[in-house]
Structure formats: structure tokens, C-alpha cells
């Protein structure tokens, strides 16, 4: 049977003097050991199982990496569960909000100005989903909910939704 070895390292940093430590960088090393197979016992497994085992290990590795990195950074590891973002003042969360407003402007031609992220939730998937509550400035301030997906490294961002909040 194939085996998977993982090792997660999370380096906490202080965002502000009064803020709690937040995990800023993660390093995860995954190594898959190939299964030993005796062709004399079952020659049919040689052709079919090699690709199937590889695909299964890749999927298993992706799930293990996501869960392991999230656990090391103090994020809920229950896949699919939405959890409130504890520190919305974190520069990474604010950067996500600013990026969401800029991306919305590119897609629609509007000229919204980013104010700040005032609330949000995150969800562990094969990457991370975010629902951010964003305040815009310049003229009457309005609140929007942005739905984002951030993939596993190499990080890629995708704006899934951007809609006004009822207020």
C-alpha cells in the first residue's frame, strides 16, 4: 500500500502589538512512497492500478495539504464549514478586500474606492473561500459582500460575486 508523509511548519508573526499572532507563511512537505506490487500475484493490477493509485494519492495529498496547513495556522479544518475571520484588520484580509474592489471595477467599469474590510467568513476547501463585508469610500459609503476563492500555492485569486448589502 502507498504511504504519504507530511510535515507542516507554520511561522507565527505579530501583525500589531495588541493583535494575536497570525500564521503568515506555511511550509508543507509531502512525499508519496510508491506501492510495492508483485506482478506474479495479480498481473492485471499492474496496468490499471498504477494510474488509479497515483490519482488517488494526488487527491489525498491535496486534501492532506489543505487540512494540515489550515490546522497549523489555527484555521478550522472542517472542510466546508464557514468560520468567522477573527482579525479582519489583518493586512492579508485587507489586501483581499482591496483586490476584490479593484477586480469588480475591472469587470464592471465602475469606480468604487476601497475603504476597509469590516467583517467576513472563511471556508477551507482545496484552497480557501472568503465572504468579505467591504465598506467603500468616496461619496456615500456603501457596503458590499464579496465572494472570493484563493487557490493553493501558487496562489491565484478569483472573484465569484460582488453585490451590495442590504442596509
N, C-alpha and C. Protein backbone atom coordinates (compact mmCIF):
# COMPACT_ATOMS: atom_id res chain seq x y z
N UNK A 1 0.84 -1.18 0.00
CA UNK A 1 0.00 0.00 0.00
C UNK A 1 0.89 1.24 0.00
N UNK A 2 0.47 2.26 -0.70
CA UNK A 2 1.23 3.51 -0.77
C UNK A 2 1.10 4.26 0.55
N UNK A 3 2.09 5.10 0.83
CA UNK A 3 2.03 5.88 2.06
C UNK A 3 2.32 7.34 1.75
N UNK A 4 1.82 8.22 2.60
CA UNK A 4 2.00 9.65 2.45
C UNK A 4 2.59 10.20 3.73
N UNK A 5 3.64 11.00 3.60
CA UNK A 5 4.27 11.62 4.75
C UNK A 5 4.16 13.12 4.60
N UNK A 6 3.68 13.81 5.61
CA UNK A 6 3.59 15.26 5.55
C UNK A 6 4.26 15.88 6.76
N UNK A 7 4.68 17.11 6.60
CA UNK A 7 5.29 17.85 7.68
C UNK A 7 4.93 19.31 7.49
N UNK A 8 4.19 19.90 8.42
CA UNK A 8 3.77 21.30 8.28
C UNK A 8 4.56 22.16 9.25
N UNK A 9 4.99 23.33 8.77
CA UNK A 9 5.69 24.29 9.59
C UNK A 9 5.01 25.62 9.42
N UNK A 10 4.60 26.22 10.50
CA UNK A 10 3.92 27.50 10.44
C UNK A 10 4.71 28.48 11.28
N UNK A 11 5.00 29.66 10.72
CA UNK A 11 5.79 30.66 11.42
C UNK A 11 4.86 31.79 11.82
N UNK A 12 4.53 31.90 13.13
CA UNK A 12 3.63 32.98 13.55
C UNK A 12 4.36 34.31 13.57
N UNK A 13 3.66 35.38 13.23
CA UNK A 13 4.22 36.73 13.30
C UNK A 13 3.21 37.62 13.99
N UNK A 14 3.66 38.72 14.54
CA UNK A 14 2.77 39.67 15.18
C UNK A 14 2.37 40.72 14.15
N UNK A 15 1.09 40.90 13.94
CA UNK A 15 0.59 41.88 12.99
C UNK A 15 0.65 43.26 13.63
N UNK A 16 0.20 43.38 14.84
CA UNK A 16 0.26 44.63 15.59
C UNK A 16 0.55 44.28 17.05
N UNK A 17 0.95 45.25 17.82
CA UNK A 17 1.33 44.98 19.21
C UNK A 17 0.21 44.31 19.99
N UNK A 18 -1.03 44.76 19.79
CA UNK A 18 -2.15 44.21 20.56
C UNK A 18 -2.80 43.02 19.87
N UNK A 19 -2.39 42.73 18.66
CA UNK A 19 -3.04 41.65 17.90
C UNK A 19 -2.48 40.29 18.30
N UNK A 20 -3.30 39.29 18.11
CA UNK A 20 -2.86 37.92 18.38
C UNK A 20 -1.95 37.47 17.25
N UNK A 21 -1.04 36.53 17.51
CA UNK A 21 -0.18 36.04 16.44
C UNK A 21 -1.03 35.41 15.34
N UNK A 22 -0.62 35.62 14.11
CA UNK A 22 -1.33 35.04 12.97
C UNK A 22 -0.32 34.33 12.09
N UNK A 23 -0.73 33.24 11.59
CA UNK A 23 0.15 32.46 10.73
C UNK A 23 0.28 33.15 9.38
N UNK A 24 1.48 33.55 9.01
CA UNK A 24 1.70 34.28 7.77
C UNK A 24 2.27 33.40 6.66
N UNK A 25 3.09 32.44 7.00
CA UNK A 25 3.71 31.58 5.99
C UNK A 25 3.57 30.13 6.44
N UNK A 26 3.39 29.26 5.51
CA UNK A 26 3.33 27.83 5.81
C UNK A 26 4.24 27.08 4.85
N UNK A 27 4.87 26.07 5.37
CA UNK A 27 5.69 25.20 4.55
C UNK A 27 5.21 23.79 4.79
N UNK A 28 4.88 23.10 3.75
CA UNK A 28 4.41 21.74 3.87
C UNK A 28 5.15 20.88 2.87
N UNK A 29 5.71 19.80 3.37
CA UNK A 29 6.43 18.88 2.50
C UNK A 29 5.64 17.58 2.48
N UNK A 30 5.30 17.12 1.30
CA UNK A 30 4.57 15.86 1.17
C UNK A 30 5.39 14.91 0.31
N UNK A 31 5.48 13.67 0.74
CA UNK A 31 6.23 12.67 -0.02
C UNK A 31 5.36 11.43 -0.13
N UNK A 32 5.21 10.95 -1.33
CA UNK A 32 4.43 9.75 -1.57
C UNK A 32 5.39 8.62 -1.90
N UNK A 33 5.25 7.52 -1.17
CA UNK A 33 6.06 6.34 -1.44
C UNK A 33 5.23 5.39 -2.31
N UNK A 34 5.80 4.91 -3.41
CA UNK A 34 5.02 4.04 -4.29
C UNK A 34 4.71 2.70 -3.62
N UNK A 35 3.60 2.14 -4.03
CA UNK A 35 3.20 0.85 -3.50
C UNK A 35 4.08 -0.25 -4.10
N UNK A 36 4.37 -1.24 -3.31
CA UNK A 36 5.10 -2.41 -3.80
C UNK A 36 4.07 -3.38 -4.36
N UNK A 37 4.34 -3.89 -5.53
CA UNK A 37 3.38 -4.80 -6.16
C UNK A 37 4.13 -5.99 -6.74
N UNK A 38 3.61 -7.12 -6.48
CA UNK A 38 4.19 -8.35 -7.01
C UNK A 38 3.36 -8.76 -8.21
N UNK A 39 3.94 -8.63 -9.41
CA UNK A 39 3.21 -8.92 -10.65
C UNK A 39 2.78 -10.38 -10.74
N UNK A 40 3.52 -11.26 -10.07
CA UNK A 40 3.16 -12.69 -10.16
C UNK A 40 1.84 -12.97 -9.45
N UNK A 41 1.49 -12.17 -8.42
CA UNK A 41 0.24 -12.41 -7.70
C UNK A 41 -0.98 -11.94 -8.49
N UNK A 42 -0.88 -10.77 -9.11
CA UNK A 42 -2.02 -10.22 -9.84
C UNK A 42 -1.53 -9.34 -10.98
N UNK A 43 -1.23 -9.93 -12.16
CA UNK A 43 -0.67 -9.16 -13.26
C UNK A 43 -1.62 -8.08 -13.79
N UNK A 44 -2.93 -8.22 -13.62
CA UNK A 44 -3.88 -7.24 -14.13
C UNK A 44 -3.80 -5.92 -13.36
N UNK A 45 -3.40 -5.98 -12.10
CA UNK A 45 -3.34 -4.78 -11.26
C UNK A 45 -2.25 -3.84 -11.75
N UNK A 46 -1.21 -4.38 -12.35
CA UNK A 46 -0.06 -3.59 -12.80
C UNK A 46 -0.48 -2.45 -13.73
N UNK A 47 -1.30 -2.73 -14.71
CA UNK A 47 -1.68 -1.74 -15.71
C UNK A 47 -2.72 -0.77 -15.14
N UNK A 48 -3.77 -1.29 -14.52
CA UNK A 48 -4.89 -0.48 -14.09
C UNK A 48 -4.63 0.28 -12.81
N UNK A 49 -3.99 -0.32 -11.84
CA UNK A 49 -3.86 0.28 -10.52
C UNK A 49 -2.82 1.38 -10.46
N UNK A 50 -1.80 1.32 -11.30
CA UNK A 50 -0.73 2.32 -11.21
C UNK A 50 -1.28 3.73 -11.40
N UNK A 51 -2.04 3.96 -12.46
CA UNK A 51 -2.61 5.29 -12.69
C UNK A 51 -3.66 5.63 -11.65
N UNK A 52 -4.49 4.66 -11.28
CA UNK A 52 -5.53 4.88 -10.27
C UNK A 52 -4.94 5.23 -8.92
N UNK A 53 -3.89 4.53 -8.53
CA UNK A 53 -3.24 4.82 -7.24
C UNK A 53 -2.62 6.21 -7.28
N UNK A 54 -1.98 6.55 -8.38
CA UNK A 54 -1.37 7.88 -8.49
C UNK A 54 -2.43 8.97 -8.35
N UNK A 55 -3.56 8.81 -9.08
CA UNK A 55 -4.62 9.82 -8.99
C UNK A 55 -5.18 9.90 -7.58
N UNK A 56 -5.38 8.77 -6.94
CA UNK A 56 -5.89 8.76 -5.57
C UNK A 56 -4.92 9.45 -4.63
N UNK A 57 -3.63 9.21 -4.80
CA UNK A 57 -2.64 9.81 -3.92
C UNK A 57 -2.55 11.32 -4.15
N UNK A 58 -2.70 11.77 -5.39
CA UNK A 58 -2.67 13.21 -5.66
C UNK A 58 -3.86 13.88 -4.97
N UNK A 59 -5.06 13.29 -5.09
CA UNK A 59 -6.23 13.86 -4.42
C UNK A 59 -6.08 13.82 -2.92
N UNK A 60 -5.57 12.70 -2.39
CA UNK A 60 -5.36 12.57 -0.96
C UNK A 60 -4.32 13.59 -0.49
N UNK A 61 -3.26 13.78 -1.29
CA UNK A 61 -2.21 14.74 -0.94
C UNK A 61 -2.78 16.15 -0.87
N UNK A 62 -3.61 16.53 -1.84
CA UNK A 62 -4.20 17.87 -1.85
C UNK A 62 -5.06 18.09 -0.61
N UNK A 63 -5.86 17.09 -0.24
CA UNK A 63 -6.70 17.21 0.95
C UNK A 63 -5.85 17.29 2.21
N UNK A 64 -4.79 16.48 2.28
CA UNK A 64 -3.92 16.49 3.45
C UNK A 64 -3.17 17.81 3.57
N UNK A 65 -2.73 18.36 2.45
CA UNK A 65 -2.01 19.63 2.47
C UNK A 65 -2.93 20.74 2.96
N UNK A 66 -4.14 20.80 2.43
CA UNK A 66 -5.10 21.83 2.84
C UNK A 66 -5.39 21.72 4.33
N UNK A 67 -5.72 20.52 4.80
CA UNK A 67 -6.07 20.33 6.20
C UNK A 67 -4.88 20.58 7.12
N UNK A 68 -3.71 20.10 6.73
CA UNK A 68 -2.53 20.25 7.56
C UNK A 68 -2.11 21.71 7.66
N UNK A 69 -2.11 22.43 6.55
CA UNK A 69 -1.74 23.84 6.56
C UNK A 69 -2.76 24.64 7.36
N UNK A 70 -4.03 24.36 7.18
CA UNK A 70 -5.06 25.08 7.92
C UNK A 70 -4.94 24.83 9.42
N UNK A 71 -4.68 23.58 9.81
CA UNK A 71 -4.54 23.26 11.23
C UNK A 71 -3.32 23.95 11.82
N UNK A 72 -2.24 24.00 11.08
CA UNK A 72 -1.03 24.64 11.58
C UNK A 72 -1.22 26.14 11.74
N UNK A 73 -2.12 26.72 10.97
CA UNK A 73 -2.35 28.17 11.03
C UNK A 73 -3.52 28.53 11.93
N UNK A 74 -4.12 27.55 12.60
CA UNK A 74 -5.20 27.85 13.53
C UNK A 74 -6.54 28.05 12.88
N UNK A 75 -6.73 27.57 11.66
CA UNK A 75 -8.00 27.69 10.95
C UNK A 75 -8.75 26.38 11.14
N UNK A 76 -10.06 26.47 11.19
CA UNK A 76 -10.86 25.26 11.30
C UNK A 76 -10.53 24.31 10.15
N UNK A 77 -10.34 23.03 10.47
CA UNK A 77 -10.00 22.07 9.42
C UNK A 77 -11.22 21.31 8.91
N UNK A 78 -12.39 21.67 9.37
CA UNK A 78 -13.59 21.02 8.88
C UNK A 78 -13.91 21.58 7.51
N UNK A 79 -13.66 20.78 6.49
CA UNK A 79 -13.89 21.23 5.12
C UNK A 79 -15.36 21.56 4.94
N UNK A 80 -15.62 22.72 4.35
CA UNK A 80 -16.98 23.13 4.08
C UNK A 80 -17.62 23.98 5.16
N UNK A 81 -17.04 24.06 6.33
CA UNK A 81 -17.61 24.84 7.43
C UNK A 81 -17.16 26.30 7.33
N UNK A 82 -18.10 27.24 7.35
CA UNK A 82 -17.77 28.66 7.34
C UNK A 82 -17.43 29.09 8.75
N UNK A 83 -16.32 29.80 8.91
CA UNK A 83 -15.84 30.27 10.20
C UNK A 83 -15.59 31.77 10.10
N UNK A 84 -16.00 32.51 11.13
CA UNK A 84 -15.77 33.96 11.15
C UNK A 84 -14.27 34.26 11.15
N UNK A 85 -13.86 35.28 10.41
CA UNK A 85 -12.46 35.72 10.41
C UNK A 85 -12.25 36.51 11.69
N UNK A 86 -11.33 36.04 12.53
CA UNK A 86 -11.12 36.65 13.84
C UNK A 86 -10.54 38.05 13.75
N UNK A 87 -9.58 38.28 12.86
CA UNK A 87 -8.90 39.56 12.78
C UNK A 87 -9.04 40.14 11.37
N UNK A 88 -10.13 40.87 11.13
CA UNK A 88 -10.34 41.44 9.80
C UNK A 88 -9.38 42.60 9.52
N UNK A 89 -8.70 43.10 10.54
CA UNK A 89 -7.70 44.17 10.35
C UNK A 89 -6.38 43.62 9.83
N UNK A 90 -6.25 42.31 9.75
CA UNK A 90 -5.03 41.68 9.25
C UNK A 90 -4.73 42.21 7.84
N UNK A 91 -3.48 42.58 7.56
CA UNK A 91 -3.14 43.13 6.25
C UNK A 91 -3.50 42.21 5.08
N UNK A 92 -3.41 40.89 5.26
CA UNK A 92 -3.76 39.96 4.18
C UNK A 92 -5.25 40.05 3.86
N UNK A 93 -6.09 40.10 4.90
CA UNK A 93 -7.55 40.19 4.69
C UNK A 93 -7.89 41.53 4.04
N UNK A 94 -7.25 42.61 4.48
CA UNK A 94 -7.49 43.92 3.87
C UNK A 94 -7.05 43.94 2.41
N UNK A 95 -5.92 43.27 2.12
CA UNK A 95 -5.45 43.17 0.74
C UNK A 95 -6.44 42.40 -0.13
N UNK A 96 -7.03 41.34 0.42
CA UNK A 96 -8.05 40.59 -0.33
C UNK A 96 -9.24 41.49 -0.66
N UNK A 97 -9.66 42.31 0.31
CA UNK A 97 -10.78 43.22 0.09
C UNK A 97 -10.46 44.27 -0.97
N UNK A 98 -9.26 44.83 -0.88
CA UNK A 98 -8.85 45.84 -1.87
C UNK A 98 -8.79 45.22 -3.27
N UNK A 99 -8.26 43.99 -3.36
CA UNK A 99 -8.18 43.31 -4.64
C UNK A 99 -9.59 43.05 -5.19
N UNK A 100 -10.53 42.66 -4.31
CA UNK A 100 -11.90 42.38 -4.75
C UNK A 100 -12.55 43.62 -5.36
N UNK A 101 -12.34 44.78 -4.73
CA UNK A 101 -12.91 46.03 -5.26
C UNK A 101 -12.28 46.37 -6.61
N UNK A 102 -10.95 46.24 -6.72
CA UNK A 102 -10.28 46.53 -7.99
C UNK A 102 -10.74 45.58 -9.08
N UNK A 103 -10.88 44.31 -8.77
CA UNK A 103 -11.33 43.31 -9.75
C UNK A 103 -12.77 43.61 -10.18
N UNK A 104 -13.62 43.98 -9.22
CA UNK A 104 -15.01 44.34 -9.55
C UNK A 104 -15.02 45.54 -10.49
N UNK A 105 -14.18 46.54 -10.21
CA UNK A 105 -14.10 47.73 -11.07
C UNK A 105 -13.67 47.35 -12.49
N UNK A 106 -12.70 46.43 -12.61
CA UNK A 106 -12.24 45.98 -13.93
C UNK A 106 -13.34 45.27 -14.70
N UNK A 107 -14.12 44.45 -13.99
CA UNK A 107 -15.16 43.66 -14.64
C UNK A 107 -16.38 44.48 -15.03
N UNK A 108 -16.70 45.54 -14.25
CA UNK A 108 -17.95 46.28 -14.48
C UNK A 108 -17.75 47.69 -15.01
N UNK A 109 -16.54 48.23 -14.90
CA UNK A 109 -16.31 49.60 -15.32
C UNK A 109 -16.70 50.63 -14.27
N UNK A 110 -17.13 50.18 -13.09
CA UNK A 110 -17.46 51.11 -12.00
C UNK A 110 -16.17 51.71 -11.45
N UNK A 111 -16.33 52.70 -10.58
CA UNK A 111 -15.17 53.35 -9.99
C UNK A 111 -15.32 53.40 -8.47
N UNK A 112 -15.52 52.24 -7.85
CA UNK A 112 -15.62 52.17 -6.40
C UNK A 112 -14.23 52.34 -5.78
N UNK A 113 -14.19 52.94 -4.59
CA UNK A 113 -12.93 53.11 -3.87
C UNK A 113 -12.98 52.26 -2.61
N UNK A 114 -11.96 51.45 -2.43
CA UNK A 114 -11.88 50.57 -1.26
C UNK A 114 -11.73 51.40 0.01
N UNK A 115 -12.53 51.05 1.02
CA UNK A 115 -12.41 51.66 2.34
C UNK A 115 -11.70 50.70 3.27
N UNK A 116 -12.44 49.66 3.69
CA UNK A 116 -11.85 48.63 4.55
C UNK A 116 -12.77 47.42 4.60
N UNK A 117 -12.20 46.30 5.02
CA UNK A 117 -12.98 45.09 5.27
C UNK A 117 -13.48 45.20 6.70
N UNK A 118 -14.79 45.09 6.90
CA UNK A 118 -15.37 45.25 8.23
C UNK A 118 -15.82 43.93 8.85
N UNK A 119 -15.85 42.86 8.07
CA UNK A 119 -16.25 41.55 8.59
C UNK A 119 -16.03 40.51 7.52
N UNK A 120 -16.15 39.24 7.93
CA UNK A 120 -16.01 38.20 6.93
C UNK A 120 -15.99 36.80 7.50
N UNK A 121 -16.09 35.85 6.59
CA UNK A 121 -16.04 34.43 6.92
C UNK A 121 -15.08 33.75 5.96
N UNK A 122 -14.56 32.60 6.38
CA UNK A 122 -13.69 31.81 5.51
C UNK A 122 -14.09 30.35 5.59
N UNK A 123 -13.79 29.64 4.50
CA UNK A 123 -14.16 28.23 4.38
C UNK A 123 -13.00 27.47 3.76
N UNK A 124 -12.57 26.40 4.43
CA UNK A 124 -11.50 25.57 3.91
C UNK A 124 -12.06 24.64 2.85
N UNK A 125 -11.48 24.72 1.65
CA UNK A 125 -11.79 23.80 0.55
C UNK A 125 -10.43 23.41 -0.02
N UNK A 126 -10.32 23.11 -1.28
CA UNK A 126 -9.00 22.88 -1.88
C UNK A 126 -8.40 24.26 -2.17
N UNK A 127 -8.19 24.99 -1.13
CA UNK A 127 -7.80 26.39 -1.14
C UNK A 127 -8.61 27.05 -0.04
N UNK A 128 -9.08 28.28 -0.26
CA UNK A 128 -9.87 28.97 0.75
C UNK A 128 -10.92 29.84 0.08
N UNK A 129 -12.16 29.72 0.53
CA UNK A 129 -13.24 30.61 0.12
C UNK A 129 -13.38 31.71 1.16
N UNK A 130 -13.69 32.91 0.71
CA UNK A 130 -13.92 34.03 1.62
C UNK A 130 -15.22 34.72 1.26
N UNK A 131 -15.97 35.17 2.28
CA UNK A 131 -17.09 36.08 2.12
C UNK A 131 -16.70 37.31 2.93
N UNK A 132 -16.37 38.39 2.24
CA UNK A 132 -15.90 39.60 2.91
C UNK A 132 -16.96 40.70 2.84
N UNK A 133 -17.15 41.39 3.97
CA UNK A 133 -18.01 42.56 4.03
C UNK A 133 -17.10 43.77 3.87
N UNK A 134 -17.28 44.50 2.77
CA UNK A 134 -16.38 45.59 2.41
C UNK A 134 -17.12 46.92 2.44
N UNK A 135 -16.48 47.91 3.07
CA UNK A 135 -17.01 49.27 3.06
C UNK A 135 -16.25 50.06 2.01
N UNK A 136 -16.98 50.76 1.14
CA UNK A 136 -16.33 51.61 0.13
C UNK A 136 -16.41 53.06 0.60
N UNK A 137 -15.52 53.89 0.08
CA UNK A 137 -15.50 55.30 0.47
C UNK A 137 -15.56 56.18 -0.77
N UNK A 138 -15.60 57.48 -0.55
CA UNK A 138 -15.71 58.42 -1.67
C UNK A 138 -17.17 58.57 -2.01
N UNK A 139 -17.76 59.69 -1.61
CA UNK A 139 -19.20 59.84 -1.79
C UNK A 139 -19.88 59.09 -0.66
N UNK A 140 -21.10 58.69 -0.88
CA UNK A 140 -21.76 57.94 0.20
C UNK A 140 -21.12 56.56 0.33
N UNK A 141 -20.73 56.23 1.57
CA UNK A 141 -20.10 54.91 1.75
C UNK A 141 -21.19 53.85 1.65
N UNK A 142 -20.83 52.76 0.99
CA UNK A 142 -21.74 51.64 0.81
C UNK A 142 -21.05 50.37 1.23
N UNK A 143 -21.84 49.38 1.54
CA UNK A 143 -21.29 48.09 1.96
C UNK A 143 -21.60 47.04 0.90
N UNK A 144 -20.61 46.20 0.63
CA UNK A 144 -20.74 45.14 -0.36
C UNK A 144 -20.28 43.82 0.26
N UNK A 145 -20.83 42.73 -0.26
CA UNK A 145 -20.34 41.40 0.11
C UNK A 145 -19.62 40.83 -1.11
N UNK A 146 -18.35 40.48 -0.90
CA UNK A 146 -17.54 39.91 -1.98
C UNK A 146 -17.28 38.44 -1.69
N UNK A 147 -17.49 37.60 -2.67
CA UNK A 147 -17.18 36.17 -2.57
C UNK A 147 -15.92 35.90 -3.37
N UNK A 148 -14.88 35.39 -2.69
CA UNK A 148 -13.59 35.13 -3.33
C UNK A 148 -13.16 33.70 -3.12
N UNK A 149 -12.35 33.21 -4.05
CA UNK A 149 -11.68 31.92 -3.88
C UNK A 149 -10.19 32.16 -4.07
N UNK A 150 -9.39 31.65 -3.13
CA UNK A 150 -7.93 31.73 -3.22
C UNK A 150 -7.42 30.30 -3.28
N UNK A 151 -6.73 29.96 -4.38
CA UNK A 151 -6.26 28.59 -4.59
C UNK A 151 -5.03 28.29 -3.74
N UNK A 152 -4.72 27.01 -3.66
CA UNK A 152 -3.48 26.58 -3.01
C UNK A 152 -2.30 27.13 -3.79
N UNK A 153 -1.13 27.22 -3.16
CA UNK A 153 0.05 27.75 -3.87
C UNK A 153 0.31 26.98 -5.16
N UNK A 154 0.66 27.65 -6.24
CA UNK A 154 0.83 29.10 -6.34
C UNK A 154 -0.53 29.78 -6.25
N UNK A 155 -0.61 30.79 -5.39
CA UNK A 155 -1.88 31.45 -5.09
C UNK A 155 -2.47 32.16 -6.30
N UNK A 156 -3.73 31.85 -6.58
CA UNK A 156 -4.49 32.54 -7.63
C UNK A 156 -5.81 32.95 -7.00
N UNK A 157 -6.25 34.15 -7.31
CA UNK A 157 -7.49 34.68 -6.75
C UNK A 157 -8.57 34.73 -7.82
N UNK A 158 -9.82 34.48 -7.39
CA UNK A 158 -10.96 34.54 -8.30
C UNK A 158 -12.12 35.21 -7.57
N UNK A 159 -12.68 36.25 -8.18
CA UNK A 159 -13.84 36.93 -7.63
C UNK A 159 -15.09 36.23 -8.13
N UNK A 160 -15.84 35.61 -7.22
CA UNK A 160 -17.04 34.87 -7.60
C UNK A 160 -18.30 35.72 -7.55
N UNK A 161 -18.35 36.67 -6.62
CA UNK A 161 -19.53 37.54 -6.51
C UNK A 161 -19.12 38.86 -5.87
N UNK A 162 -19.91 39.89 -6.16
CA UNK A 162 -19.70 41.20 -5.56
C UNK A 162 -21.05 41.90 -5.62
N UNK A 163 -21.73 41.98 -4.49
CA UNK A 163 -23.09 42.53 -4.51
C UNK A 163 -23.30 43.48 -3.33
N UNK A 164 -24.17 44.47 -3.51
CA UNK A 164 -24.47 45.40 -2.42
C UNK A 164 -25.18 44.66 -1.28
N UNK A 165 -24.87 45.08 -0.07
CA UNK A 165 -25.54 44.51 1.10
C UNK A 165 -26.75 45.36 1.43
N UNK A 166 -27.79 44.71 1.87
CA UNK A 166 -28.99 45.44 2.28
C UNK A 166 -28.67 46.21 3.57
N UNK A 167 -28.93 47.45 3.61
CA UNK A 167 -28.53 48.19 4.79
C UNK A 167 -29.55 49.15 5.17
